[in-house]
Amino acid sequence: LLESLGYRVVAESDPAVALVKFKENKDAFDLVITDKTMPYMTGFDVTKELRQLRADIPVILCSGYQDKSDVEKLSAMNIGSFLTKPVSKKDLAEAIRSVLAKKTVS
């Protein structure tokens, strides 16, 4: 889906491996999209680790559901967007544009 929108994608299903790839070349990434619920780590955990490596990296979090406590975490962690699954191509494209636009304004 991301490639069909014209983006270059580095995909990884294991959050620990994804963090290693990010750490190896952190300036090559413009944005990280992560799932909220994954084996071994949550998307919030991943975001915390990413921000220790590069504080300015925009993050989009995806999930099949959203808890009330998520809203506070999203704001506190400065997560740019929350997408509820299933994610449409249109919603994904809009979220990416919005998050990247916020970065260029900052």
C-alpha atoms as a PDB file:
ATOM      1  CA  LEU A   1       0.000   0.000   0.000  1.00  0.00           C
ATOM      2  CA  LEU A   2       2.763   2.453   0.929  1.00  0.00           C
ATOM      3  CA  GLU A   3       4.763   1.628  -2.178  1.00  0.00           C
ATOM      4  CA  SER A   4       1.668   2.216  -4.319  1.00  0.00           C
ATOM      5  CA  LEU A   5       1.586   5.726  -2.814  1.00  0.00           C
ATOM      6  CA  GLY A   6       5.179   6.274  -3.975  1.00  0.00           C
ATOM      7  CA  TYR A   7       7.011   5.724  -0.693  1.00  0.00           C
ATOM      8  CA  ARG A   8      10.158   3.673  -0.188  1.00  0.00           C
ATOM      9  CA  VAL A   9       9.430   1.150   2.536  1.00  0.00           C
ATOM     10  CA  VAL A  10      11.492  -0.779   5.040  1.00  0.00           C
ATOM     11  CA  ALA A  11       9.139  -3.337   6.571  1.00  0.00           C
ATOM     12  CA  GLU A  12       9.794  -5.505   9.580  1.00  0.00           C
ATOM     13  CA  SER A  13       7.370  -7.632  11.598  1.00  0.00           C
ATOM     14  CA  ASP A  14       9.624  -7.958  14.660  1.00  0.00           C
ATOM     15  CA  PRO A  15       9.833  -4.678  16.607  1.00  0.00           C
ATOM     16  CA  ALA A  16      13.274  -5.488  18.049  1.00  0.00           C
ATOM     17  CA  VAL A  17      14.684  -6.103  14.580  1.00  0.00           C
ATOM     18  CA  ALA A  18      12.987  -2.944  13.309  1.00  0.00           C
ATOM     19  CA  LEU A  19      14.674  -0.925  16.056  1.00  0.00           C
ATOM     20  CA  VAL A  20      18.068  -2.378  15.119  1.00  0.00           C
ATOM     21  CA  LYS A  21      17.506  -1.418  11.467  1.00  0.00           C
ATOM     22  CA  PHE A  22      16.453   2.069  12.517  1.00  0.00           C
ATOM     23  CA  LYS A  23      19.481   2.462  14.788  1.00  0.00           C
ATOM     24  CA  GLU A  24      21.855   1.381  11.993  1.00  0.00           C
ATOM     25  CA  ASN A  25      20.646   4.161   9.685  1.00  0.00           C
ATOM     26  CA  LYS A  26      18.328   6.440  11.664  1.00  0.00           C
ATOM     27  CA  ASP A  27      18.694   9.432   9.344  1.00  0.00           C
ATOM     28  CA  ALA A  28      17.413   7.423   6.371  1.00  0.00           C
ATOM     29  CA  PHE A  29      13.878   7.345   7.799  1.00  0.00           C
ATOM     30  CA  ASP A  30      11.315  10.128   7.423  1.00  0.00           C
ATOM     31  CA  LEU A  31       8.497   8.403   9.291  1.00  0.00           C
ATOM     32  CA  VAL A  32       7.720   5.262  11.286  1.00  0.00           C
ATOM     33  CA  ILE A  33       4.368   3.491  11.186  1.00  0.00           C
ATOM     34  CA  THR A  34       3.913   0.938  13.932  1.00  0.00           C
ATOM     35  CA  ASP A  35       1.175  -1.238  15.315  1.00  0.00           C
ATOM     36  CA  LYS A  36      -0.009  -0.708  18.867  1.00  0.00           C
ATOM     37  CA  THR A  37      -0.042  -4.408  19.746  1.00  0.00           C
ATOM     38  CA  MET A  38       2.909  -6.594  18.775  1.00  0.00           C
ATOM     39  CA  PRO A  39       4.804  -9.499  20.292  1.00  0.00           C
ATOM     40  CA  TYR A  40       7.255  -8.447  23.028  1.00  0.00           C
ATOM     41  CA  MET A  41       6.700  -4.670  22.634  1.00  0.00           C
ATOM     42  CA  THR A  42       3.831  -2.264  22.157  1.00  0.00           C
ATOM     43  CA  GLY A  43       3.836   0.537  19.627  1.00  0.00           C
ATOM     44  CA  PHE A  44       4.248   2.893  22.570  1.00  0.00           C
ATOM     45  CA  ASP A  45       7.399   0.993  23.625  1.00  0.00           C
ATOM     46  CA  VAL A  46       8.735   1.187  20.073  1.00  0.00           C
ATOM     47  CA  THR A  47       8.041   4.916  19.938  1.00  0.00           C
ATOM     48  CA  LYS A  48       9.878   5.469  23.215  1.00  0.00           C
ATOM     49  CA  GLU A  49      12.923   3.589  21.900  1.00  0.00           C
ATOM     50  CA  LEU A  50      12.820   5.423  18.558  1.00  0.00           C
ATOM     51  CA  ARG A  51      12.701   8.806  20.272  1.00  0.00           C
ATOM     52  CA  GLN A  52      15.780   7.942  22.329  1.00  0.00           C
ATOM     53  CA  LEU A  53      17.602   7.371  19.048  1.00  0.00           C
ATOM     54  CA  ARG A  54      16.068  10.302  17.174  1.00  0.00           C
ATOM     55  CA  ALA A  55      13.717  12.650  18.995  1.00  0.00           C
ATOM     56  CA  ASP A  56      12.235  14.217  15.847  1.00  0.00           C
ATOM     57  CA  ILE A  57      11.060  11.051  14.067  1.00  0.00           C
ATOM     58  CA  PRO A  58       7.337  11.267  13.221  1.00  0.00           C
ATOM     59  CA  VAL A  59       5.291   8.243  14.280  1.00  0.00           C
ATOM     60  CA  ILE A  60       1.908   6.924  13.172  1.00  0.00           C
ATOM     61  CA  LEU A  61       0.330   4.296  15.412  1.00  0.00           C
ATOM     62  CA  CYS A  62      -2.195   1.754  14.083  1.00  0.00           C
ATOM     63  CA  SER A  63      -4.552  -0.518  15.981  1.00  0.00           C
ATOM     64  CA  GLY A  64      -7.784  -2.416  15.712  1.00  0.00           C
ATOM     65  CA  TYR A  65      -9.052  -0.596  18.782  1.00  0.00           C
ATOM     66  CA  GLN A  66      -8.293   2.443  20.913  1.00  0.00           C
ATOM     67  CA  ASP A  67      -8.478   2.576  24.707  1.00  0.00           C
ATOM     68  CA  LYS A  68      -9.336   5.781  26.535  1.00  0.00           C
ATOM     69  CA  SER A  69      -5.833   5.781  28.025  1.00  0.00           C
ATOM     70  CA  ASP A  70      -4.358   5.728  24.514  1.00  0.00           C
ATOM     71  CA  VAL A  71      -5.465   9.309  23.860  1.00  0.00           C
ATOM     72  CA  GLU A  72      -3.327  10.588  26.731  1.00  0.00           C
ATOM     73  CA  LYS A  73      -0.353   8.462  25.660  1.00  0.00           C
ATOM     74  CA  LEU A  74      -0.627   9.633  22.046  1.00  0.00           C
ATOM     75  CA  SER A  75      -0.497  13.235  23.158  1.00  0.00           C
ATOM     76  CA  ALA A  76       2.210  12.758  25.806  1.00  0.00           C
ATOM     77  CA  MET A  77       4.446  10.903  23.355  1.00  0.00           C
ATOM     78  CA  ASN A  78       3.741  13.317  20.507  1.00  0.00           C
ATOM     79  CA  ILE A  79       2.554  10.536  18.213  1.00  0.00           C
ATOM     80  CA  GLY A  80       1.460  12.268  15.026  1.00  0.00           C
ATOM     81  CA  SER A  81      -1.549  10.164  14.126  1.00  0.00           C
ATOM     82  CA  PHE A  82      -3.599   7.174  15.237  1.00  0.00           C
ATOM     83  CA  LEU A  83      -5.211   5.015  12.556  1.00  0.00           C
ATOM     84  CA  THR A  84      -7.876   2.435  13.305  1.00  0.00           C
ATOM     85  CA  LYS A  85      -7.686  -0.790  11.309  1.00  0.00           C
ATOM     86  CA  PRO A  86      -8.606  -1.613   8.719  1.00  0.00           C
ATOM     87  CA  VAL A  87      -6.784   1.388   7.285  1.00  0.00           C
ATOM     88  CA  SER A  88      -7.890   2.675   3.905  1.00  0.00           C
ATOM     89  CA  LYS A  89      -5.385   3.916   1.353  1.00  0.00           C
ATOM     90  CA  LYS A  90      -6.972   7.374   1.528  1.00  0.00           C
ATOM     91  CA  ASP A  91      -6.737   7.571   5.342  1.00  0.00           C
ATOM     92  CA  LEU A  92      -3.145   6.341   5.300  1.00  0.00           C
ATOM     93  CA  ALA A  93      -2.136   8.864   2.642  1.00  0.00           C
ATOM     94  CA  GLU A  94      -3.804  11.706   4.556  1.00  0.00           C
ATOM     95  CA  ALA A  95      -2.171  10.709   7.851  1.00  0.00           C
ATOM     96  CA  ILE A  96       1.274  10.536   6.254  1.00  0.00           C
ATOM     97  CA  ARG A  97       0.894  13.922   4.575  1.00  0.00           C
ATOM     98  CA  SER A  98      -0.356  15.468   7.810  1.00  0.00           C
ATOM     99  CA  VAL A  99       2.415  14.042   9.987  1.00  0.00           C
ATOM    100  CA  LEU A 100       5.160  14.960   7.513  1.00  0.00           C
ATOM    101  CA  ALA A 101       3.717  18.480   7.111  1.00  0.00           C
ATOM    102  CA  LYS A 102       3.837  18.974  10.888  1.00  0.00           C
ATOM    103  CA  LYS A 103       7.485  17.976  10.843  1.00  0.00           C
ATOM    104  CA  THR A 104       8.416  20.556   8.223  1.00  0.00           C
ATOM    105  CA  VAL A 105       6.603  23.281  10.162  1.00  0.00           C
ATOM    106  CA  SER A 106       8.361  22.428  13.446  1.00  0.00           C
END
